[in-house]
């Protein structure tokens, strides 16, 4: 296994696609459909990388990031979003986000970023 990835996104199709494609590359992917679920999963077993959507119901991605930093401040985070204003990008980067990708995104680029962040080298 190349690393554990926590995907935090309320989109069922994206979760399925992401889980399948990264699973084929040897990553273990766990999906959370809400901020509360994501925080609970991080408490149980911190992942190597979190891929986080900023626009989530109940608790937005920036609030999830703030709470994550209190629990697992060293965990690496990559953000995916279709609604990335300059202010939100600055706030996310200030909270330690390593990469920021707009939706729709190039799946191959995301795979490369995940491999680089987890330290598993380039994906095939």
Protein backbone atom coordinates (compact mmCIF):
# COMPACT_ATOMS: atom_id res chain seq x y z
CA UNK A 1 0.00 0.00 0.00
CA UNK A 2 1.34 3.43 -0.98
CA UNK A 3 -0.49 5.49 1.64
CA UNK A 4 -3.83 6.29 3.20
CA UNK A 5 -5.87 9.10 1.65
CA UNK A 6 -8.96 10.65 3.24
CA UNK A 7 -11.29 12.18 0.64
CA UNK A 8 -13.76 14.69 2.09
CA UNK A 9 -16.43 15.49 -0.49
CA UNK A 10 -20.21 15.31 -0.49
CA UNK A 11 -20.34 14.24 -4.15
CA UNK A 12 -21.06 10.53 -4.48
CA UNK A 13 -19.77 10.24 -8.06
CA UNK A 14 -16.49 12.01 -7.27
CA UNK A 15 -15.96 9.82 -4.20
CA UNK A 16 -16.49 6.66 -6.23
CA UNK A 17 -14.23 7.80 -9.10
CA UNK A 18 -11.50 8.99 -6.76
CA UNK A 19 -11.61 5.82 -4.66
CA UNK A 20 -11.41 3.57 -7.73
CA UNK A 21 -8.65 5.46 -9.53
CA UNK A 22 -6.40 5.89 -6.50
CA UNK A 23 -7.14 2.34 -5.36
CA UNK A 24 -5.83 1.07 -8.70
CA UNK A 25 -2.61 2.98 -8.01
CA UNK A 26 -2.15 1.21 -4.67
CA UNK A 27 -3.50 3.86 -2.31
CA UNK A 28 -5.99 3.10 0.44
CA UNK A 29 -8.83 5.61 0.11
CA UNK A 30 -11.41 6.36 2.77
CA UNK A 31 -14.24 8.74 1.87
CA UNK A 32 -16.09 11.04 4.26
CA UNK A 33 -19.24 12.77 3.05
CA UNK A 34 -19.33 15.38 5.84
CA UNK A 35 -16.97 17.41 7.98
CA UNK A 36 -18.06 15.65 11.15
CA UNK A 37 -17.37 12.24 9.60
CA UNK A 38 -13.95 13.43 8.39
CA UNK A 39 -12.94 14.72 11.81
CA UNK A 40 -14.02 11.46 13.45
CA UNK A 41 -11.97 9.44 10.94
CA UNK A 42 -8.89 11.61 11.55
CA UNK A 43 -9.27 11.02 15.30
CA UNK A 44 -9.34 7.23 14.76
CA UNK A 45 -6.39 7.05 12.38
CA UNK A 46 -4.79 10.12 10.80
CA UNK A 47 -4.29 9.67 7.04
CA UNK A 48 -1.15 10.45 5.07
CA UNK A 49 -3.08 13.02 3.01
CA UNK A 50 -6.50 14.66 3.04
CA UNK A 51 -8.18 15.74 -0.19
CA UNK A 52 -10.85 18.24 0.84
CA UNK A 53 -13.70 20.02 -0.94
CA UNK A 54 -14.18 23.54 0.40
CA UNK A 55 -17.93 23.63 -0.22
CA UNK A 56 -19.60 21.12 2.07
CA UNK A 57 -23.01 21.00 3.76
CA UNK A 58 -23.24 21.66 7.51
CA UNK A 59 -19.55 22.55 7.93
CA UNK A 60 -17.56 24.20 5.14
CA UNK A 61 -14.06 23.15 4.17
CA UNK A 62 -12.35 26.08 5.90
CA UNK A 63 -14.01 25.18 9.20
CA UNK A 64 -13.01 21.55 8.69
CA UNK A 65 -9.43 22.75 8.12
CA UNK A 66 -9.44 24.86 11.29
CA UNK A 67 -10.64 21.91 13.35
CA UNK A 68 -8.21 19.53 11.64
CA UNK A 69 -5.29 21.74 12.58
CA UNK A 70 -6.27 21.42 16.25
CA UNK A 71 -6.31 17.61 16.02
CA UNK A 72 -3.67 16.70 13.44
CA UNK A 73 -1.75 19.83 12.56
CA UNK A 74 0.92 18.05 10.51
CA UNK A 75 -1.42 16.21 8.13
CA UNK A 76 -1.03 17.24 4.49
CA UNK A 77 -4.11 18.72 2.80
CA UNK A 78 -4.97 19.23 -0.88
CA UNK A 79 -8.10 21.23 -1.69
CA UNK A 80 -10.53 20.64 -4.56
CA UNK A 81 -13.29 23.14 -5.22
CA UNK A 82 -15.44 24.70 -7.89
CA UNK A 83 -15.82 27.87 -5.82
CA UNK A 84 -12.32 29.10 -5.08
CA UNK A 85 -12.37 32.84 -4.51
CA UNK A 86 -9.05 34.56 -3.91
CA UNK A 87 -9.98 35.13 -0.26
CA UNK A 88 -10.85 31.46 0.32
CA UNK A 89 -7.61 30.39 -1.38
CA UNK A 90 -5.60 32.69 0.91
CA UNK A 91 -7.42 31.40 4.00
CA UNK A 92 -6.86 27.78 2.97
CA UNK A 93 -3.16 28.38 2.26
CA UNK A 94 -2.79 30.10 5.65
CA UNK A 95 -4.18 26.91 7.21
CA UNK A 96 -1.44 24.86 5.55
CA UNK A 97 -3.08 23.64 2.35
CA UNK A 98 -0.37 22.27 0.08
CA UNK A 99 -2.16 22.34 -3.28
CA UNK A 100 -5.35 23.95 -4.54
CA UNK A 101 -7.15 22.47 -7.56
CA UNK A 102 -10.27 23.86 -9.18
CA UNK A 103 -13.11 21.62 -10.31
CA UNK A 104 -13.26 20.25 -12.88
CA UNK A 105 -9.71 19.02 -12.49
CA UNK A 106 -7.34 16.87 -14.51
CA UNK A 107 -7.41 13.42 -12.84
CA UNK A 108 -3.83 12.71 -13.92
CA UNK A 109 -2.62 15.91 -12.25
CA UNK A 110 -4.44 14.97 -9.06
CA UNK A 111 -2.86 11.50 -9.13
CA UNK A 112 0.60 13.06 -9.53
CA UNK A 113 -0.01 15.47 -6.65
CA UNK A 114 -1.25 12.67 -4.38
CA UNK A 115 1.77 10.50 -5.22
CA UNK A 116 4.17 13.39 -4.58
CA UNK A 117 2.53 14.41 -1.30
CA UNK A 118 2.39 10.88 0.07
CA UNK A 119 5.94 10.21 -1.08
CA UNK A 120 5.13 7.27 -3.29
CA UNK A 121 6.60 8.71 -6.48
CA UNK A 122 4.79 9.25 -9.75
CA UNK A 123 1.66 7.36 -10.66
CA UNK A 124 1.63 5.27 -13.82
